[in-house]
Protein backbone atom coordinates (compact mmCIF):
# COMPACT_ATOMS: atom_id res chain seq x y z
CA MET A 1 8.12 -32.16 -28.64
CA SER A 2 11.13 -29.96 -28.62
CA SER A 3 12.28 -28.07 -25.50
CA SER A 4 11.44 -24.79 -27.12
CA ALA A 5 7.90 -25.94 -28.27
CA ALA A 6 7.26 -27.28 -24.68
CA VAL A 7 8.13 -23.89 -23.19
CA LYS A 8 5.87 -22.16 -25.75
CA SER A 9 2.99 -24.34 -25.04
CA ARG A 10 3.20 -23.52 -21.36
CA LEU A 11 2.99 -19.75 -22.37
CA ILE A 12 -0.30 -20.26 -23.82
CA LYS A 13 -3.56 -21.02 -21.88
CA SER A 14 -6.80 -22.40 -23.42
CA LYS A 15 -10.05 -20.33 -23.34
CA LYS A 16 -11.31 -22.81 -20.73
CA GLU A 17 -8.22 -22.24 -18.47
CA ILE A 18 -8.47 -18.48 -18.90
CA GLU A 19 -12.06 -18.59 -17.79
CA ILE A 20 -11.10 -20.63 -14.77
CA ILE A 21 -8.21 -17.97 -13.91
CA ARG A 22 -10.90 -15.16 -14.53
CA GLU A 23 -13.30 -16.82 -12.09
CA GLY A 24 -10.47 -17.12 -9.36
CA GLY A 25 -9.29 -13.55 -10.25
CA GLN A 26 -12.68 -12.01 -9.73
CA LEU A 27 -12.79 -13.73 -6.27
CA MET A 28 -9.22 -12.37 -5.57
CA HIS A 29 -10.25 -8.88 -6.73
CA LYS A 30 -12.94 -8.73 -4.00
CA ILE A 31 -10.88 -10.19 -1.40
CA LEU A 32 -7.99 -7.63 -2.06
CA ARG A 33 -10.42 -4.78 -2.04
CA ASP A 34 -11.77 -6.00 1.33
CA LEU A 35 -8.19 -6.10 2.58
CA GLY A 36 -7.56 -2.54 1.44
CA SER A 37 -10.51 -1.34 3.41
CA ARG A 38 -9.24 -3.03 6.41
CA ALA A 39 -5.67 -1.61 6.39
CA VAL A 40 -6.42 1.27 8.99
CA PRO A 41 -4.37 2.68 11.87
CA GLY A 42 -4.15 0.09 14.71
CA VAL A 43 -4.44 -3.07 12.69
CA SER A 44 -1.57 -5.58 12.57
CA THR A 45 -0.39 -7.05 9.42
CA TRP A 46 -1.03 -10.37 11.01
CA ASP A 47 -4.80 -9.50 11.13
CA LEU A 48 -4.81 -8.77 7.52
CA ASP A 49 -3.02 -12.13 6.66
CA LYS A 50 -5.42 -14.00 8.79
CA TYR A 51 -8.50 -12.44 7.03
CA ALA A 52 -6.95 -12.99 3.62
CA GLU A 53 -6.28 -16.78 4.33
CA GLU A 54 -9.83 -17.24 5.83
CA GLN A 55 -11.24 -15.72 2.67
CA ILE A 56 -9.27 -17.72 0.12
CA LEU A 57 -10.04 -20.87 1.88
CA LYS A 58 -13.85 -19.80 2.04
CA VAL A 59 -14.12 -19.53 -1.65
CA GLY A 60 -12.47 -22.82 -2.26
CA GLY A 61 -8.93 -21.60 -3.18
CA LYS A 62 -5.46 -22.22 -1.60
CA PRO A 63 -2.90 -19.49 -0.71
CA ALA A 64 -0.29 -19.37 -3.55
CA PHE A 65 2.42 -17.84 -1.71
CA LYS A 66 2.49 -19.88 1.54
CA GLY A 67 5.41 -22.31 1.50
CA VAL A 68 7.06 -20.78 -1.69
CA GLY A 69 10.86 -20.87 -1.41
CA GLY A 70 11.34 -24.36 -0.24
CA PRO A 71 12.02 -25.99 2.98
CA GLU A 72 14.87 -24.12 4.19
CA ASN A 73 13.13 -20.75 4.20
CA PRO A 74 9.46 -20.94 3.14
CA TYR A 75 7.35 -17.94 2.88
CA PRO A 76 5.18 -18.16 6.12
CA ALA A 77 2.20 -16.30 5.23
CA THR A 78 -0.79 -15.98 2.69
CA LEU A 79 -0.38 -12.19 2.17
CA CYS A 80 2.75 -10.02 1.46
CA THR A 81 2.39 -6.76 3.50
CA SER A 82 5.05 -4.24 2.47
CA ILE A 83 5.06 -0.89 4.42
CA ASN A 84 6.59 2.46 3.34
CA ASP A 85 10.14 1.51 2.15
CA GLU A 86 9.41 -2.06 1.67
CA VAL A 87 8.94 -2.87 -2.06
CA VAL A 88 7.67 -6.41 -1.75
CA HIS A 89 7.50 -9.61 0.30
CA GLY A 90 6.97 -7.97 3.79
CA ILE A 91 6.02 -10.80 6.10
CA PRO A 92 2.93 -10.21 8.20
CA SER A 93 3.38 -9.92 11.95
CA LYS A 94 1.40 -9.37 15.22
CA HIS A 95 4.02 -6.89 16.00
CA VAL A 96 3.64 -4.70 13.03
CA ILE A 97 0.89 -2.14 13.63
CA LEU A 98 -0.19 0.06 10.89
CA GLU A 99 0.03 3.72 11.75
CA GLU A 100 -1.58 6.91 10.40
CA GLY A 101 0.30 8.04 7.29
CA ASP A 102 1.77 4.74 6.23
CA ILE A 103 1.24 3.23 2.83
CA ILE A 104 1.01 -0.53 2.58
CA GLY A 105 1.40 -2.78 -0.47
CA LEU A 106 -1.00 -5.81 -0.20
CA ASP A 107 0.18 -8.49 -2.73
CA ILE A 108 -1.86 -11.88 -2.75
CA GLY A 109 -2.05 -15.02 -5.01
CA MET A 110 -4.42 -17.89 -5.07
CA GLN A 111 -4.59 -21.34 -6.62
CA TYR A 112 -8.19 -21.94 -7.74
CA LYS A 113 -9.31 -25.04 -9.58
CA GLY A 114 -5.68 -25.86 -10.22
CA LEU A 115 -4.72 -22.46 -11.76
CA PHE A 116 -3.16 -19.41 -10.32
CA THR A 117 -3.69 -15.74 -10.01
CA ASP A 118 -1.60 -12.85 -8.67
CA THR A 119 -2.68 -9.39 -7.71
CA ALA A 120 -1.54 -6.36 -5.71
CA ILE A 121 -2.48 -2.92 -4.62
CA THR A 122 -0.92 -0.17 -2.41
CA VAL A 123 -3.39 1.65 -0.20
CA ALA A 124 -3.05 4.77 2.23
CA VAL A 125 -3.39 4.08 6.06
CA GLY A 126 -5.50 7.05 6.98
CA LYS A 127 -4.31 10.42 5.76
CA ILE A 128 -1.20 10.76 3.50
CA SER A 129 0.48 13.73 1.95
CA PRO A 130 -0.28 14.84 -1.62
CA LYS A 131 3.29 13.75 -2.73
CA VAL A 132 2.71 10.27 -1.43
CA GLN A 133 -0.66 10.19 -3.02
CA LYS A 134 0.89 11.07 -6.18
CA LEU A 135 3.27 7.97 -5.86
CA LEU A 136 0.12 5.83 -5.65
CA ASP A 137 -1.66 7.41 -8.48
CA VAL A 138 1.21 7.33 -10.70
CA THR A 139 2.01 3.64 -10.06
CA GLU A 140 -1.58 2.65 -10.81
CA LYS A 141 -1.56 4.82 -13.94
CA SER A 142 1.60 3.03 -15.16
CA LEU A 143 -0.11 -0.34 -14.72
CA LYS A 144 -3.16 0.95 -16.83
CA ALA A 145 -0.73 2.17 -19.50
CA ALA A 146 1.11 -1.17 -19.53
CA ILE A 147 -2.25 -3.05 -19.90
CA ALA A 148 -3.31 -0.73 -22.83
CA VAL A 149 -0.33 -1.97 -24.86
CA ALA A 150 -0.49 -5.61 -23.89
CA LYS A 151 -1.88 -6.79 -27.11
CA VAL A 152 -1.25 -9.26 -29.99
CA GLY A 153 1.53 -7.79 -32.15
CA ASN A 154 3.35 -5.91 -29.46
CA THR A 155 6.20 -7.19 -27.31
CA ILE A 156 7.09 -7.47 -23.63
CA GLY A 157 9.44 -4.53 -24.38
CA ASP A 158 6.28 -2.44 -25.32
CA ILE A 159 4.87 -3.09 -21.87
CA GLY A 160 7.98 -2.04 -20.10
CA PHE A 161 8.43 1.09 -22.18
CA ALA A 162 4.92 2.24 -21.46
CA THR A 163 5.30 1.61 -17.73
CA GLN A 164 8.64 3.32 -17.67
CA GLN A 165 7.40 6.45 -19.50
CA VAL A 166 4.61 7.20 -17.06
CA ILE A 167 6.81 6.71 -14.03
CA GLU A 168 9.78 8.59 -15.01
CA ASN A 169 7.80 11.45 -16.57
CA ALA A 170 6.29 11.88 -13.09
CA GLY A 171 9.67 12.12 -11.54
CA PHE A 172 9.88 8.67 -10.00
CA ASN A 173 11.89 5.48 -10.68
CA VAL A 174 10.90 2.04 -11.79
CA VAL A 175 12.36 -0.98 -9.86
CA ARG A 176 14.72 -2.99 -12.04
CA ASP A 177 15.65 -5.95 -10.05
CA LEU A 178 12.06 -7.23 -9.52
CA VAL A 179 9.80 -7.87 -12.50
CA GLY A 180 6.28 -9.23 -13.55
CA HIS A 181 5.91 -12.65 -15.03
CA GLY A 182 3.72 -15.25 -16.61
CA VAL A 183 1.17 -16.88 -14.46
CA GLY A 184 -1.44 -19.72 -14.58
CA TYR A 185 0.08 -23.22 -14.14
CA GLU A 186 2.33 -21.85 -11.43
CA VAL A 187 2.35 -18.51 -9.61
CA HIS A 188 5.57 -17.49 -11.37
CA GLU A 189 6.23 -18.58 -14.97
CA ASP A 190 8.09 -17.32 -18.03
CA PRO A 191 8.10 -14.80 -19.54
CA MET A 192 9.57 -12.05 -17.36
CA VAL A 193 7.68 -8.81 -17.61
CA PRO A 194 9.86 -5.88 -16.51
CA GLY A 195 8.58 -2.40 -15.72
CA TYR A 196 11.15 -0.87 -18.14
CA GLY A 197 11.97 -1.68 -21.83
CA LYS A 198 12.35 -0.75 -25.39
CA LYS A 199 9.64 -0.66 -27.97
CA GLY A 200 9.46 -3.73 -30.24
CA LYS A 201 12.02 -5.66 -28.05
CA GLY A 202 11.60 -8.95 -26.22
CA VAL A 203 8.98 -11.66 -26.34
CA PRO A 204 6.15 -11.20 -28.78
CA LEU A 205 2.70 -11.15 -27.15
CA VAL A 206 0.39 -13.84 -28.57
CA GLU A 207 -3.20 -14.54 -27.90
CA GLY A 208 -3.58 -17.05 -24.86
CA MET A 209 -0.66 -15.57 -22.82
CA VAL A 210 -1.49 -14.79 -19.15
CA LEU A 211 0.67 -12.29 -17.54
CA ALA A 212 1.01 -10.73 -14.14
CA ILE A 213 1.91 -7.14 -14.84
CA GLU A 214 3.28 -5.36 -11.68
CA PRO A 215 5.06 -2.12 -11.78
CA MET A 216 7.05 -1.33 -8.67
CA VAL A 217 7.86 2.40 -8.18
CA VAL A 218 10.05 4.31 -5.88
CA THR A 219 10.42 7.93 -4.92
CA GLY A 220 14.27 7.68 -5.01
CA SER A 221 16.84 5.24 -6.22
CA TYR A 222 15.74 1.91 -7.66
CA ARG A 223 18.58 0.16 -5.76
CA LEU A 224 17.26 -2.46 -3.30
CA PHE A 225 18.42 -4.55 -0.38
CA MET A 226 16.96 -7.61 1.49
CA ASP A 227 16.31 -7.92 5.18
CA ASP A 228 17.64 -10.61 7.39
CA ASP A 229 14.48 -12.60 7.06
CA MET A 230 15.64 -13.15 3.38
CA TRP A 231 12.18 -12.17 2.02
CA THR A 232 11.41 -8.51 2.77
CA ILE A 233 12.91 -6.17 0.07
CA ARG A 234 13.51 -2.51 0.67
CA THR A 235 14.68 0.52 -1.06
CA ALA A 236 18.39 1.05 -0.33
CA ASP A 237 17.81 4.82 0.49
CA GLY A 238 14.75 4.45 2.41
CA GLY A 239 12.51 6.05 -0.27
CA LEU A 240 8.98 4.92 -0.42
CA SER A 241 7.63 2.36 -2.71
CA ALA A 242 4.37 1.54 -4.31
CA HIS A 243 3.12 -1.62 -6.09
CA PHE A 244 0.06 -2.42 -8.32
CA GLU A 245 -0.54 -5.73 -10.15
CA HIS A 246 -3.17 -7.28 -12.33
CA THR A 247 -3.23 -10.72 -13.94
CA VAL A 248 -4.18 -10.20 -17.50
CA ALA A 249 -4.84 -12.45 -20.69
CA ILE A 250 -3.74 -11.55 -24.07
CA THR A 251 -6.70 -11.88 -26.41
CA ALA A 252 -7.38 -10.76 -30.11
CA LYS A 253 -9.05 -7.71 -28.75
CA GLY A 254 -6.30 -6.63 -26.26
CA ALA A 255 -5.61 -7.36 -22.66
CA SER A 256 -8.43 -8.71 -20.60
CA ILE A 257 -8.07 -7.98 -16.90
CA LEU A 258 -8.68 -11.28 -14.95
CA THR A 259 -8.23 -9.83 -11.37
């Protein structure tokens, strides 16, 4: 098998594999929604992480993120908890207590029966302003727009274009330095799935692909910086950020949401 054929073969999952990913994805969906309801003032992000790991182990899965990054600086938690200006990869801590008016991105992955899923939501902690609620609503709307065009005959560029249009038409910006990705055999695979793009450009979408589509949206500049922990990524200007993600399968009838 040529190297290009080998890469292509990993992009395509069998119907049986997709059903296993769907099974794990539905379990992840429930865990993530439960986590969202637990994100209330006074709760620590460590509490949320502990619950996430307990639930993943309870359903027979394994945390996908824990230990990622190698021996020098492995990610230490099951859940990514990114608050306000934190875009992704916020590390849970007993010392980080949620406050009224925060928004928190909850990003979680699981290995289940040997295959991976990846999913995220951003939720309000108590009451938030209409402007901040708009950020959450637009980010989720952009994910739905991306999924609507994720079908056979379109391209990765079509997904990015649809996402970008919703976000920029609402007066926000899409993050450029972080992207969605393939998922299944590993938690991060090819192809990259940016939240911006041009129609008809990029990798063609074919039946059997499984993608983690995840727009990351900011109120200000899309420039980012990384904290000293070498995981937490924030907006450079302190603007707020929201993040929604689904794992989807490309089918003959369009995208099927697995999470």
